[in-house]
Amino acid sequence: MAARNRPRGAFAKDDSADAHEERNMWSQIVTDIKRLKTTHARAAEVGKLQVELEMKLANSPTVKAIDELASLYREGVKLAEEEEKILKEEPNDVIKNIEILAALRSASETEPVRTAQAVSKPRNPKRQKIETDGSVESPAPIPSPSVVLPAARIKGTSSVRSGSVPSTREIKSEPIVKLEEGSEGSKGPAGEKAGKFYIGAEVAYKQAKPKEDGSQWIQCNITNVVDTPKKKIYEVQDPEPDENGAPGQIYKTSVHALIAIPGEHDSLPEFPIGKPVLARYPETTTFYRAEITGYADKKDAYWLKFEDDQDQKMEVPRRYVLDLKQ
């Protein structure tokens, strides 16, 4: 299979969808809960069949009945795993998304939307165009999510992007997406404690929705940090202008959707061959999952194999290779 087309090209914006991000998120939660309800109902049915068959086997066991019972147990395990995925794993992650939606509603009701000024740095003019999400109007009020979930069966695109442009665009308040666990001091709350998320810092930002090519992470700069009673809200900006020359989009998010990109003079971790990582694809500013296959002749780069690129190897600077433990 040929390598994926990495650059983000022209993008037909759906203003209505962009203007109602929270409503869209609520709709997705409802869809996932309906799917969860169907899965849970089948799991209950399978459990009942297991009990009935076990009672029958107690009196007259047969090979056929034992095989049927084993099949029911396998289906029960599969259904339990499916429930767990819907509740706790991306892209569904219903429990986390409900918490996020409630937090976003609370923030939008108490905090004014602000504009931000990005730190100006030189930009590589050969950068390929990157699609941006449209700015967001104030979303219409939606009902606070209150859902009872069945938990009984659940286990307990461009070249180096180093600059930004001043912006006066509206800030897009996107759903916050949690990160996988990884190395200490570079992502999420650990990175925040280590002081890595400050105005002007380069970060990998996880967007709420994956793009058509499967990408979800883009390189951004932190342009503002807002302290709230419960947590900090970060405003991050795509440092490149959009296809119309307007300043890059600004997103409002939490620390859970950020990974710090090491500075040019920071010490860098040594990753072993075979380690899964998140890396910036060459000639883009989008990050994808990859695997380290070797060390480049120069000490500041790795050879990587990106997902869906088969055996094609790419050379990527070390500071754009981030730890993302799977």
C-alpha atoms as a PDB file:
ATOM      1  CA  MET A   1       0.000   0.000   0.000  1.00  0.00           C
ATOM      2  CA  ALA A   2       1.351   3.398  -0.915  1.00  0.00           C
ATOM      3  CA  ALA A   3       2.230   5.962   1.703  1.00  0.00           C
ATOM      4  CA  ARG A   4      -0.542   8.174   2.901  1.00  0.00           C
ATOM      5  CA  ASN A   5      -0.917  11.641   1.523  1.00  0.00           C
ATOM      6  CA  ARG A   6       0.324  13.657   4.474  1.00  0.00           C
ATOM      7  CA  PRO A   7      -0.178  17.328   3.585  1.00  0.00           C
ATOM      8  CA  ARG A   8      -3.407  18.861   4.720  1.00  0.00           C
ATOM      9  CA  GLY A   9      -4.825  20.539   1.643  1.00  0.00           C
ATOM     10  CA  ALA A  10      -7.742  22.815   0.956  1.00  0.00           C
ATOM     11  CA  PHE A  11     -10.568  22.221   3.382  1.00  0.00           C
ATOM     12  CA  ALA A  12     -14.226  22.872   2.820  1.00  0.00           C
ATOM     13  CA  LYS A  13     -15.315  24.359   6.112  1.00  0.00           C
ATOM     14  CA  ASP A  14     -18.599  23.420   7.689  1.00  0.00           C
ATOM     15  CA  ASP A  15     -19.366  26.570   9.615  1.00  0.00           C
ATOM     16  CA  SER A  16     -22.407  25.088  11.321  1.00  0.00           C
ATOM     17  CA  ALA A  17     -20.393  22.138  12.625  1.00  0.00           C
ATOM     18  CA  ASP A  18     -17.555  24.377  13.786  1.00  0.00           C
ATOM     19  CA  ALA A  19     -20.009  26.712  15.491  1.00  0.00           C
ATOM     20  CA  HIS A  20     -21.531  23.936  17.553  1.00  0.00           C
ATOM     21  CA  GLU A  21     -18.589  21.814  18.655  1.00  0.00           C
ATOM     22  CA  GLU A  22     -20.079  21.083  22.047  1.00  0.00           C
ATOM     23  CA  ARG A  23     -23.423  20.104  20.557  1.00  0.00           C
ATOM     24  CA  ASN A  24     -21.621  17.773  18.143  1.00  0.00           C
ATOM     25  CA  MET A  25     -19.762  16.216  21.032  1.00  0.00           C
ATOM     26  CA  TRP A  26     -23.014  15.654  22.907  1.00  0.00           C
ATOM     27  CA  SER A  27     -24.518  13.988  19.825  1.00  0.00           C
ATOM     28  CA  GLN A  28     -21.516  11.658  19.634  1.00  0.00           C
ATOM     29  CA  ILE A  29     -21.895  10.778  23.318  1.00  0.00           C
ATOM     30  CA  VAL A  30     -25.571   9.919  22.774  1.00  0.00           C
ATOM     31  CA  THR A  31     -24.672   7.728  19.784  1.00  0.00           C
ATOM     32  CA  ASP A  32     -22.009   5.897  21.778  1.00  0.00           C
ATOM     33  CA  ILE A  33     -24.360   5.345  24.722  1.00  0.00           C
ATOM     34  CA  LYS A  34     -26.985   3.838  22.408  1.00  0.00           C
ATOM     35  CA  ARG A  35     -24.326   1.472  21.103  1.00  0.00           C
ATOM     36  CA  LEU A  36     -23.308   0.704  24.681  1.00  0.00           C
ATOM     37  CA  LYS A  37     -26.931  -0.047  25.597  1.00  0.00           C
ATOM     38  CA  THR A  38     -27.220  -2.545  22.731  1.00  0.00           C
ATOM     39  CA  THR A  39     -23.948  -4.218  23.691  1.00  0.00           C
ATOM     40  CA  HIS A  40     -24.936  -4.406  27.350  1.00  0.00           C
ATOM     41  CA  ALA A  41     -28.331  -5.923  26.504  1.00  0.00           C
ATOM     42  CA  ARG A  42     -26.670  -8.670  24.473  1.00  0.00           C
ATOM     43  CA  ALA A  43     -24.182  -9.271  27.298  1.00  0.00           C
ATOM     44  CA  ALA A  44     -27.068  -9.741  29.743  1.00  0.00           C
ATOM     45  CA  GLU A  45     -28.724 -12.175  27.339  1.00  0.00           C
ATOM     46  CA  VAL A  46     -25.500 -14.157  26.966  1.00  0.00           C
ATOM     47  CA  GLY A  47     -25.114 -14.294  30.744  1.00  0.00           C
ATOM     48  CA  LYS A  48     -28.611 -15.731  31.097  1.00  0.00           C
ATOM     49  CA  LEU A  49     -27.898 -18.368  28.435  1.00  0.00           C
ATOM     50  CA  GLN A  50     -24.708 -19.324  30.253  1.00  0.00           C
ATOM     51  CA  VAL A  51     -26.583 -19.960  33.499  1.00  0.00           C
ATOM     52  CA  GLU A  52     -29.251 -22.054  31.751  1.00  0.00           C
ATOM     53  CA  LEU A  53     -26.663 -24.148  29.922  1.00  0.00           C
ATOM     54  CA  GLU A  54     -24.588 -24.683  33.071  1.00  0.00           C
ATOM     55  CA  MET A  55     -27.679 -26.039  34.852  1.00  0.00           C
ATOM     56  CA  LYS A  56     -28.315 -28.406  31.934  1.00  0.00           C
ATOM     57  CA  LEU A  57     -24.697 -29.581  31.947  1.00  0.00           C
ATOM     58  CA  ALA A  58     -24.902 -30.405  35.645  1.00  0.00           C
ATOM     59  CA  ASN A  59     -27.428 -33.138  34.865  1.00  0.00           C
ATOM     60  CA  SER A  60     -26.347 -34.465  31.459  1.00  0.00           C
ATOM     61  CA  PRO A  61     -23.055 -33.058  30.115  1.00  0.00           C
ATOM     62  CA  THR A  62     -22.326 -33.535  26.425  1.00  0.00           C
ATOM     63  CA  VAL A  63     -19.465 -32.443  24.208  1.00  0.00           C
ATOM     64  CA  LYS A  64     -21.824 -30.299  22.139  1.00  0.00           C
ATOM     65  CA  ALA A  65     -23.203 -28.514  25.204  1.00  0.00           C
ATOM     66  CA  ILE A  66     -19.702 -27.885  26.540  1.00  0.00           C
ATOM     67  CA  ASP A  67     -18.667 -26.376  23.193  1.00  0.00           C
ATOM     68  CA  GLU A  68     -21.768 -24.153  23.224  1.00  0.00           C
ATOM     69  CA  LEU A  69     -20.943 -22.967  26.740  1.00  0.00           C
ATOM     70  CA  ALA A  70     -17.351 -22.212  25.749  1.00  0.00           C
ATOM     71  CA  SER A  71     -18.642 -20.207  22.788  1.00  0.00           C
ATOM     72  CA  LEU A  72     -20.946 -18.215  25.076  1.00  0.00           C
ATOM     73  CA  TYR A  73     -18.058 -17.459  27.427  1.00  0.00           C
ATOM     74  CA  ARG A  74     -15.939 -16.216  24.531  1.00  0.00           C
ATOM     75  CA  GLU A  75     -18.777 -13.995  23.346  1.00  0.00           C
ATOM     76  CA  GLY A  76     -19.247 -12.674  26.877  1.00  0.00           C
ATOM     77  CA  VAL A  77     -15.577 -11.713  27.101  1.00  0.00           C
ATOM     78  CA  LYS A  78     -15.740 -10.020  23.700  1.00  0.00           C
ATOM     79  CA  LEU A  79     -18.825  -8.028  24.725  1.00  0.00           C
ATOM     80  CA  ALA A  80     -17.188  -6.965  28.001  1.00  0.00           C
ATOM     81  CA  GLU A  81     -14.131  -5.736  26.103  1.00  0.00           C
ATOM     82  CA  GLU A  82     -16.377  -3.842  23.689  1.00  0.00           C
ATOM     83  CA  GLU A  83     -18.145  -2.136  26.600  1.00  0.00           C
ATOM     84  CA  GLU A  84     -14.800  -1.131  28.075  1.00  0.00           C
ATOM     85  CA  LYS A  85     -13.652   0.342  24.768  1.00  0.00           C
ATOM     86  CA  ILE A  86     -16.800   2.447  24.474  1.00  0.00           C
ATOM     87  CA  LEU A  87     -16.509   3.686  28.043  1.00  0.00           C
ATOM     88  CA  LYS A  88     -12.783   4.186  28.442  1.00  0.00           C
ATOM     89  CA  GLU A  89     -10.868   4.100  25.154  1.00  0.00           C
ATOM     90  CA  GLU A  90     -10.505   6.540  22.269  1.00  0.00           C
ATOM     91  CA  PRO A  91     -12.135   7.557  20.053  1.00  0.00           C
ATOM     92  CA  ASN A  92     -15.296   6.917  22.120  1.00  0.00           C
ATOM     93  CA  ASP A  93     -14.165   7.250  25.744  1.00  0.00           C
ATOM     94  CA  VAL A  94     -17.685   8.114  26.907  1.00  0.00           C
ATOM     95  CA  ILE A  95     -16.843   8.644  30.578  1.00  0.00           C
ATOM     96  CA  LYS A  96     -14.027  11.093  29.807  1.00  0.00           C
ATOM     97  CA  ASN A  97     -16.027  12.881  27.115  1.00  0.00           C
ATOM     98  CA  ILE A  98     -18.908  13.500  29.522  1.00  0.00           C
ATOM     99  CA  GLU A  99     -16.467  15.014  32.024  1.00  0.00           C
ATOM    100  CA  ILE A 100     -14.910  17.127  29.277  1.00  0.00           C
ATOM    101  CA  LEU A 101     -18.257  18.356  28.007  1.00  0.00           C
ATOM    102  CA  ALA A 102     -19.343  19.368  31.499  1.00  0.00           C
ATOM    103  CA  ALA A 103     -16.042  21.220  32.031  1.00  0.00           C
ATOM    104  CA  LEU A 104     -16.314  23.009  28.682  1.00  0.00           C
ATOM    105  CA  ARG A 105     -19.846  24.138  29.423  1.00  0.00           C
ATOM    106  CA  SER A 106     -18.751  25.442  32.803  1.00  0.00           C
ATOM    107  CA  ALA A 107     -15.763  27.264  31.284  1.00  0.00           C
ATOM    108  CA  SER A 108     -17.776  28.826  28.455  1.00  0.00           C
ATOM    109  CA  GLU A 109     -20.329  30.166  30.928  1.00  0.00           C
ATOM    110  CA  THR A 110     -17.748  31.744  33.245  1.00  0.00           C
ATOM    111  CA  GLU A 111     -14.832  32.811  31.017  1.00  0.00           C
ATOM    112  CA  PRO A 112     -14.839  35.447  28.263  1.00  0.00           C
ATOM    113  CA  VAL A 113     -13.299  34.496  24.924  1.00  0.00           C
ATOM    114  CA  ARG A 114      -9.922  36.180  24.532  1.00  0.00           C
ATOM    115  CA  THR A 115      -7.644  36.871  21.632  1.00  0.00           C
ATOM    116  CA  ALA A 116      -4.009  35.920  21.884  1.00  0.00           C
ATOM    117  CA  GLN A 117      -0.665  37.213  20.657  1.00  0.00           C
ATOM    118  CA  ALA A 118       1.726  34.525  19.494  1.00  0.00           C
ATOM    119  CA  VAL A 119       5.498  34.738  19.723  1.00  0.00           C
ATOM    120  CA  SER A 120       6.940  35.709  16.335  1.00  0.00           C
ATOM    121  CA  LYS A 121       9.637  33.440  14.906  1.00  0.00           C
ATOM    122  CA  PRO A 122      11.025  32.824  11.410  1.00  0.00           C
ATOM    123  CA  ARG A 123       8.972  30.442   9.270  1.00  0.00           C
ATOM    124  CA  ASN A 124      10.118  28.121   6.513  1.00  0.00           C
ATOM    125  CA  PRO A 125       8.394  29.417   3.350  1.00  0.00           C
ATOM    126  CA  LYS A 126       8.302  25.933   1.793  1.00  0.00           C
ATOM    127  CA  ARG A 127       5.776  24.659   4.298  1.00  0.00           C
ATOM    128  CA  GLN A 128       2.844  22.888   2.678  1.00  0.00           C
ATOM    129  CA  LYS A 129      -0.641  24.178   3.340  1.00  0.00           C
ATOM    130  CA  ILE A 130      -2.320  22.861   6.438  1.00  0.00           C
ATOM    131  CA  GLU A 131      -6.057  22.656   6.886  1.00  0.00           C
ATOM    132  CA  THR A 132      -7.447  24.540   9.869  1.00  0.00           C
ATOM    133  CA  ASP A 133     -10.664  24.223  11.741  1.00  0.00           C
ATOM    134  CA  GLY A 134     -12.993  27.201  11.484  1.00  0.00           C
ATOM    135  CA  SER A 135     -13.447  29.593  14.360  1.00  0.00           C
ATOM    136  CA  VAL A 136     -16.370  29.007  16.660  1.00  0.00           C
ATOM    137  CA  GLU A 137     -19.308  31.109  17.628  1.00  0.00           C
ATOM    138  CA  SER A 138     -20.764  30.817  21.098  1.00  0.00           C
ATOM    139  CA  PRO A 139     -22.548  27.465  21.094  1.00  0.00           C
ATOM    140  CA  ALA A 140     -26.190  27.209  22.009  1.00  0.00           C
ATOM    141  CA  PRO A 141     -26.873  25.826  25.491  1.00  0.00           C
ATOM    142  CA  ILE A 142     -27.161  22.071  25.643  1.00  0.00           C
ATOM    143  CA  PRO A 143     -28.468  19.854  28.418  1.00  0.00           C
ATOM    144  CA  SER A 144     -25.952  18.846  31.054  1.00  0.00           C
ATOM    145  CA  PRO A 145     -25.169  15.167  30.499  1.00  0.00           C
ATOM    146  CA  SER A 146     -26.610  12.854  33.137  1.00  0.00           C
ATOM    147  CA  VAL A 147     -26.179   9.234  32.135  1.00  0.00           C
ATOM    148  CA  VAL A 148     -26.247   5.963  34.035  1.00  0.00           C
ATOM    149  CA  LEU A 149     -23.685   3.646  32.477  1.00  0.00           C
ATOM    150  CA  PRO A 150     -23.599  -0.143  32.825  1.00  0.00           C
ATOM    151  CA  ALA A 151     -20.250  -0.814  34.490  1.00  0.00           C
ATOM    152  CA  ALA A 152     -20.763  -4.202  36.088  1.00  0.00           C
ATOM    153  CA  ARG A 153     -19.050  -6.038  33.232  1.00  0.00           C
ATOM    154  CA  ILE A 154     -16.167  -3.600  32.855  1.00  0.00           C
ATOM    155  CA  LYS A 155     -12.663  -4.252  34.148  1.00  0.00           C
ATOM    156  CA  GLY A 156     -11.730  -2.135  37.419  1.00  0.00           C
ATOM    157  CA  THR A 157       1.722  18.826   6.983  1.00  0.00           C
ATOM    158  CA  SER A 158       4.934  20.960   6.271  1.00  0.00           C
ATOM    159  CA  SER A 159       8.612  21.582   6.975  1.00  0.00           C
ATOM    160  CA  VAL A 160      10.027  22.827  10.250  1.00  0.00           C
ATOM    161  CA  ARG A 161       7.338  24.805  11.948  1.00  0.00           C
ATOM    162  CA  SER A 162       9.056  27.031  14.452  1.00  0.00           C
ATOM    163  CA  GLY A 163       7.212  30.303  14.202  1.00  0.00           C
ATOM    164  CA  SER A 164       3.885  31.978  14.637  1.00  0.00           C
ATOM    165  CA  VAL A 165       2.081  35.106  13.592  1.00  0.00           C
ATOM    166  CA  PRO A 166       0.152  37.572  15.706  1.00  0.00           C
ATOM    167  CA  SER A 167      -3.482  36.637  15.817  1.00  0.00           C
ATOM    168  CA  THR A 168      -6.772  38.330  16.445  1.00  0.00           C
ATOM    169  CA  ARG A 169      -8.940  35.386  15.446  1.00  0.00           C
ATOM    170  CA  GLU A 170     -11.553  33.874  17.667  1.00  0.00           C
ATOM    171  CA  ILE A 171     -10.511  31.030  19.912  1.00  0.00           C
ATOM    172  CA  LYS A 172     -11.965  27.631  19.196  1.00  0.00           C
ATOM    173  CA  SER A 173     -12.988  25.822  22.365  1.00  0.00           C
ATOM    174  CA  GLU A 174     -12.427  22.203  21.368  1.00  0.00           C
ATOM    175  CA  PRO A 175     -13.219  19.116  23.401  1.00  0.00           C
ATOM    176  CA  ILE A 176     -10.173  18.181  25.412  1.00  0.00           C
ATOM    177  CA  VAL A 177      -8.720  14.796  24.569  1.00  0.00           C
ATOM    178  CA  LYS A 178      -6.749  12.800  27.074  1.00  0.00           C
ATOM    179  CA  LEU A 179      -3.294  11.453  26.245  1.00  0.00           C
ATOM    180  CA  GLU A 180      -1.935   8.003  26.673  1.00  0.00           C
ATOM    181  CA  GLU A 181       0.419   7.460  29.575  1.00  0.00           C
ATOM    182  CA  GLY A 182       4.034   8.193  28.745  1.00  0.00           C
ATOM    183  CA  SER A 183       7.326   9.527  30.029  1.00  0.00           C
ATOM    184  CA  GLU A 184       7.289  11.855  32.992  1.00  0.00           C
ATOM    185  CA  GLY A 185       7.762  15.576  32.570  1.00  0.00           C
ATOM    186  CA  SER A 186       6.758  16.008  28.925  1.00  0.00           C
ATOM    187  CA  LYS A 187       3.019  15.528  28.621  1.00  0.00           C
ATOM    188  CA  GLY A 188      -0.160  16.280  30.482  1.00  0.00           C
ATOM    189  CA  PRO A 189      -0.081  17.170  34.197  1.00  0.00           C
ATOM    190  CA  ALA A 190       3.525  15.936  34.529  1.00  0.00           C
ATOM    191  CA  GLY A 191       4.663  18.438  31.908  1.00  0.00           C
ATOM    192  CA  GLU A 192       2.679  21.170  33.627  1.00  0.00           C
ATOM    193  CA  LYS A 193       4.361  20.417  36.954  1.00  0.00           C
ATOM    194  CA  ALA A 194       7.744  20.485  35.228  1.00  0.00           C
ATOM    195  CA  GLY A 195       7.002  23.979  33.881  1.00  0.00           C
ATOM    196  CA  LYS A 196       7.146  22.967  30.219  1.00  0.00           C
ATOM    197  CA  PHE A 197       3.889  24.647  29.167  1.00  0.00           C
ATOM    198  CA  TYR A 198       4.538  28.380  29.021  1.00  0.00           C
ATOM    199  CA  ILE A 199       3.732  31.173  26.582  1.00  0.00           C
ATOM    200  CA  GLY A 200       5.812  30.665  23.450  1.00  0.00           C
ATOM    201  CA  ALA A 201       6.498  26.968  24.058  1.00  0.00           C
ATOM    202  CA  GLU A 202       6.168  24.555  21.137  1.00  0.00           C
ATOM    203  CA  VAL A 203       3.780  21.680  21.761  1.00  0.00           C
ATOM    204  CA  ALA A 204       2.058  18.807  20.021  1.00  0.00           C
ATOM    205  CA  TYR A 205      -1.675  19.437  20.365  1.00  0.00           C
ATOM    206  CA  LYS A 206      -4.221  16.638  20.114  1.00  0.00           C
ATOM    207  CA  GLN A 207      -7.303  17.771  18.218  1.00  0.00           C
ATOM    208  CA  ALA A 208     -10.735  16.552  19.239  1.00  0.00           C
ATOM    209  CA  LYS A 209     -11.496  14.758  15.987  1.00  0.00           C
ATOM    210  CA  PRO A 210      -9.139  12.738  13.770  1.00  0.00           C
ATOM    211  CA  LYS A 211      -8.745  13.945  10.187  1.00  0.00           C
ATOM    212  CA  GLU A 212      -9.518  11.858   7.115  1.00  0.00           C
ATOM    213  CA  ASP A 213      -5.959  10.506   6.962  1.00  0.00           C
ATOM    214  CA  GLY A 214      -6.083   9.471  10.621  1.00  0.00           C
ATOM    215  CA  SER A 215      -4.004  12.371  11.925  1.00  0.00           C
ATOM    216  CA  GLN A 216      -5.005  14.059  15.162  1.00  0.00           C
ATOM    217  CA  TRP A 217      -1.858  15.794  16.408  1.00  0.00           C
ATOM    218  CA  ILE A 218      -0.549  19.106  15.088  1.00  0.00           C
ATOM    219  CA  GLN A 219       2.336  21.335  16.088  1.00  0.00           C
ATOM    220  CA  CYS A 220       1.281  24.535  17.864  1.00  0.00           C
ATOM    221  CA  ASN A 221       2.629  27.336  20.041  1.00  0.00           C
ATOM    222  CA  ILE A 222       1.178  28.250  23.431  1.00  0.00           C
ATOM    223  CA  THR A 223      -0.075  31.833  23.168  1.00  0.00           C
ATOM    224  CA  ASN A 224      -1.870  32.304  26.479  1.00  0.00           C
ATOM    225  CA  VAL A 225      -2.386  30.575  29.820  1.00  0.00           C
ATOM    226  CA  VAL A 226      -5.548  31.321  31.805  1.00  0.00           C
ATOM    227  CA  ASP A 227      -5.779  30.355  35.471  1.00  0.00           C
ATOM    228  CA  THR A 228      -9.207  29.179  36.616  1.00  0.00           C
ATOM    229  CA  PRO A 229     -10.234  28.030  40.105  1.00  0.00           C
ATOM    230  CA  LYS A 230      -9.911  24.355  39.151  1.00  0.00           C
ATOM    231  CA  LYS A 231      -7.257  24.229  36.422  1.00  0.00           C
ATOM    232  CA  LYS A 232      -5.314  26.119  33.785  1.00  0.00           C
ATOM    233  CA  ILE A 233      -6.747  26.676  30.328  1.00  0.00           C
ATOM    234  CA  TYR A 234      -4.199  26.846  27.495  1.00  0.00           C
ATOM    235  CA  GLU A 235      -4.647  28.745  24.257  1.00  0.00           C
ATOM    236  CA  VAL A 236      -2.543  27.201  21.491  1.00  0.00           C
ATOM    237  CA  GLN A 237      -2.159  28.494  17.956  1.00  0.00           C
ATOM    238  CA  ASP A 238      -1.316  26.959  14.634  1.00  0.00           C
ATOM    239  CA  PRO A 239       1.650  29.251  13.828  1.00  0.00           C
ATOM    240  CA  GLU A 240       1.082  29.140  10.085  1.00  0.00           C
ATOM    241  CA  PRO A 241      -1.525  31.240   8.274  1.00  0.00           C
ATOM    242  CA  ASP A 242      -4.436  29.484   6.630  1.00  0.00           C
ATOM    243  CA  GLU A 243      -5.008  29.183   2.880  1.00  0.00           C
ATOM    244  CA  ASN A 244      -6.408  32.722   2.825  1.00  0.00           C
ATOM    245  CA  GLY A 245      -3.397  34.228   4.586  1.00  0.00           C
ATOM    246  CA  ALA A 246      -5.257  34.801   7.859  1.00  0.00           C
ATOM    247  CA  PRO A 247      -3.455  34.054  11.152  1.00  0.00           C
ATOM    248  CA  GLY A 248      -3.464  30.430  12.251  1.00  0.00           C
ATOM    249  CA  GLN A 249      -6.364  29.047  14.247  1.00  0.00           C
ATOM    250  CA  ILE A 250      -6.322  29.342  18.040  1.00  0.00           C
ATOM    251  CA  TYR A 251      -7.663  26.502  20.200  1.00  0.00           C
ATOM    252  CA  LYS A 252      -8.625  26.516  23.860  1.00  0.00           C
ATOM    253  CA  THR A 253      -7.718  23.291  25.640  1.00  0.00           C
ATOM    254  CA  SER A 254      -6.419  21.733  28.839  1.00  0.00           C
ATOM    255  CA  VAL A 255      -3.047  20.280  29.711  1.00  0.00           C
ATOM    256  CA  HIS A 256      -4.343  16.771  28.963  1.00  0.00           C
ATOM    257  CA  ALA A 257      -4.178  17.427  25.197  1.00  0.00           C
ATOM    258  CA  LEU A 258      -0.579  18.674  25.121  1.00  0.00           C
ATOM    259  CA  ILE A 259       2.890  17.176  24.796  1.00  0.00           C
ATOM    260  CA  ALA A 260       5.888  19.470  25.168  1.00  0.00           C
ATOM    261  CA  ILE A 261       8.313  19.579  22.227  1.00  0.00           C
ATOM    262  CA  PRO A 262      11.900  19.845  23.533  1.00  0.00           C
ATOM    263  CA  GLY A 263      13.723  23.084  22.813  1.00  0.00           C
ATOM    264  CA  GLU A 264      16.659  23.201  20.412  1.00  0.00           C
ATOM    265  CA  HIS A 265      19.153  23.185  23.283  1.00  0.00           C
ATOM    266  CA  ASP A 266      17.317  20.810  25.649  1.00  0.00           C
ATOM    267  CA  SER A 267      18.688  17.379  26.475  1.00  0.00           C
ATOM    268  CA  LEU A 268      16.839  14.685  24.525  1.00  0.00           C
ATOM    269  CA  PRO A 269      15.874  11.170  25.649  1.00  0.00           C
ATOM    270  CA  GLU A 270      17.456   8.132  24.013  1.00  0.00           C
ATOM    271  CA  PHE A 271      14.829   5.818  22.510  1.00  0.00           C
ATOM    272  CA  PRO A 272      15.633   2.173  21.684  1.00  0.00           C
ATOM    273  CA  ILE A 273      15.040   0.626  18.269  1.00  0.00           C
ATOM    274  CA  GLY A 274      11.528  -0.787  18.043  1.00  0.00           C
ATOM    275  CA  LYS A 275       9.972   1.753  20.404  1.00  0.00           C
ATOM    276  CA  PRO A 276       6.563   3.161  19.374  1.00  0.00           C
ATOM    277  CA  VAL A 277       6.605   6.970  19.298  1.00  0.00           C
ATOM    278  CA  LEU A 278       4.683   9.994  18.085  1.00  0.00           C
ATOM    279  CA  ALA A 279       6.701  11.835  15.435  1.00  0.00           C
ATOM    280  CA  ARG A 280       6.357  14.754  13.046  1.00  0.00           C
ATOM    281  CA  TYR A 281       6.098  13.498   9.473  1.00  0.00           C
ATOM    282  CA  PRO A 282       8.775  15.024   7.168  1.00  0.00           C
ATOM    283  CA  GLU A 283       7.696  18.132   5.255  1.00  0.00           C
ATOM    284  CA  THR A 284       4.590  18.517   7.436  1.00  0.00           C
ATOM    285  CA  THR A 285       3.671  19.840  10.841  1.00  0.00           C
ATOM    286  CA  THR A 286       1.426  16.897  11.637  1.00  0.00           C
ATOM    287  CA  PHE A 287       2.386  14.135  14.061  1.00  0.00           C
ATOM    288  CA  TYR A 288       1.698  10.443  13.476  1.00  0.00           C
ATOM    289  CA  ARG A 289       2.455   7.215  15.275  1.00  0.00           C
ATOM    290  CA  ALA A 290       5.700   5.572  14.194  1.00  0.00           C
ATOM    291  CA  GLU A 291       8.320   3.034  15.218  1.00  0.00           C
ATOM    292  CA  ILE A 292      12.037   3.698  15.614  1.00  0.00           C
ATOM    293  CA  THR A 293      14.004   1.554  13.168  1.00  0.00           C
ATOM    294  CA  GLY A 294      17.491   2.994  13.537  1.00  0.00           C
ATOM    295  CA  TYR A 295      19.753   5.937  14.264  1.00  0.00           C
ATOM    296  CA  ALA A 296      20.675   8.393  11.538  1.00  0.00           C
ATOM    297  CA  ASP A 297      24.325   9.137  10.783  1.00  0.00           C
ATOM    298  CA  LYS A 298      23.898  12.500  12.390  1.00  0.00           C
ATOM    299  CA  LYS A 299      23.247  12.219  16.119  1.00  0.00           C
ATOM    300  CA  ASP A 300      20.187  14.467  16.158  1.00  0.00           C
ATOM    301  CA  ALA A 301      17.861  12.255  14.074  1.00  0.00           C
ATOM    302  CA  TYR A 302      16.151   8.852  14.034  1.00  0.00           C
ATOM    303  CA  TRP A 303      15.073   6.591  11.207  1.00  0.00           C
ATOM    304  CA  LEU A 304      11.351   5.893  11.587  1.00  0.00           C
ATOM    305  CA  LYS A 305       8.674   3.756   9.991  1.00  0.00           C
ATOM    306  CA  PHE A 306       5.285   5.488  10.149  1.00  0.00           C
ATOM    307  CA  GLU A 307       2.036   3.588  10.439  1.00  0.00           C
ATOM    308  CA  ASP A 308       0.520   2.637   7.067  1.00  0.00           C
ATOM    309  CA  ASP A 309       3.783   3.429   5.245  1.00  0.00           C
ATOM    310  CA  GLN A 310       4.816  -0.237   5.046  1.00  0.00           C
ATOM    311  CA  ASP A 311       8.618  -0.489   4.902  1.00  0.00           C
ATOM    312  CA  GLN A 312       9.310   3.106   3.901  1.00  0.00           C
ATOM    313  CA  LYS A 313      11.779   4.743   6.297  1.00  0.00           C
ATOM    314  CA  MET A 314      11.900   8.444   7.123  1.00  0.00           C
ATOM    315  CA  GLU A 315      14.553  10.531   8.847  1.00  0.00           C
ATOM    316  CA  VAL A 316      13.133  12.749  11.611  1.00  0.00           C
ATOM    317  CA  PRO A 317      14.974  15.158  13.961  1.00  0.00           C
ATOM    318  CA  ARG A 318      15.121  13.785  17.502  1.00  0.00           C
ATOM    319  CA  ARG A 319      13.315  16.673  19.123  1.00  0.00           C
ATOM    320  CA  TYR A 320      10.259  15.973  16.982  1.00  0.00           C
ATOM    321  CA  VAL A 321      10.162  12.341  18.124  1.00  0.00           C
ATOM    322  CA  LEU A 322       8.005  12.205  21.246  1.00  0.00           C
ATOM    323  CA  ASP A 323       7.430   9.450  23.767  1.00  0.00           C
ATOM    324  CA  LEU A 324       3.880   8.149  23.555  1.00  0.00           C
ATOM    325  CA  LYS A 325       3.724   4.887  25.448  1.00  0.00           C
ATOM    326  CA  GLN A 326       1.055   2.528  24.113  1.00  0.00           C
END
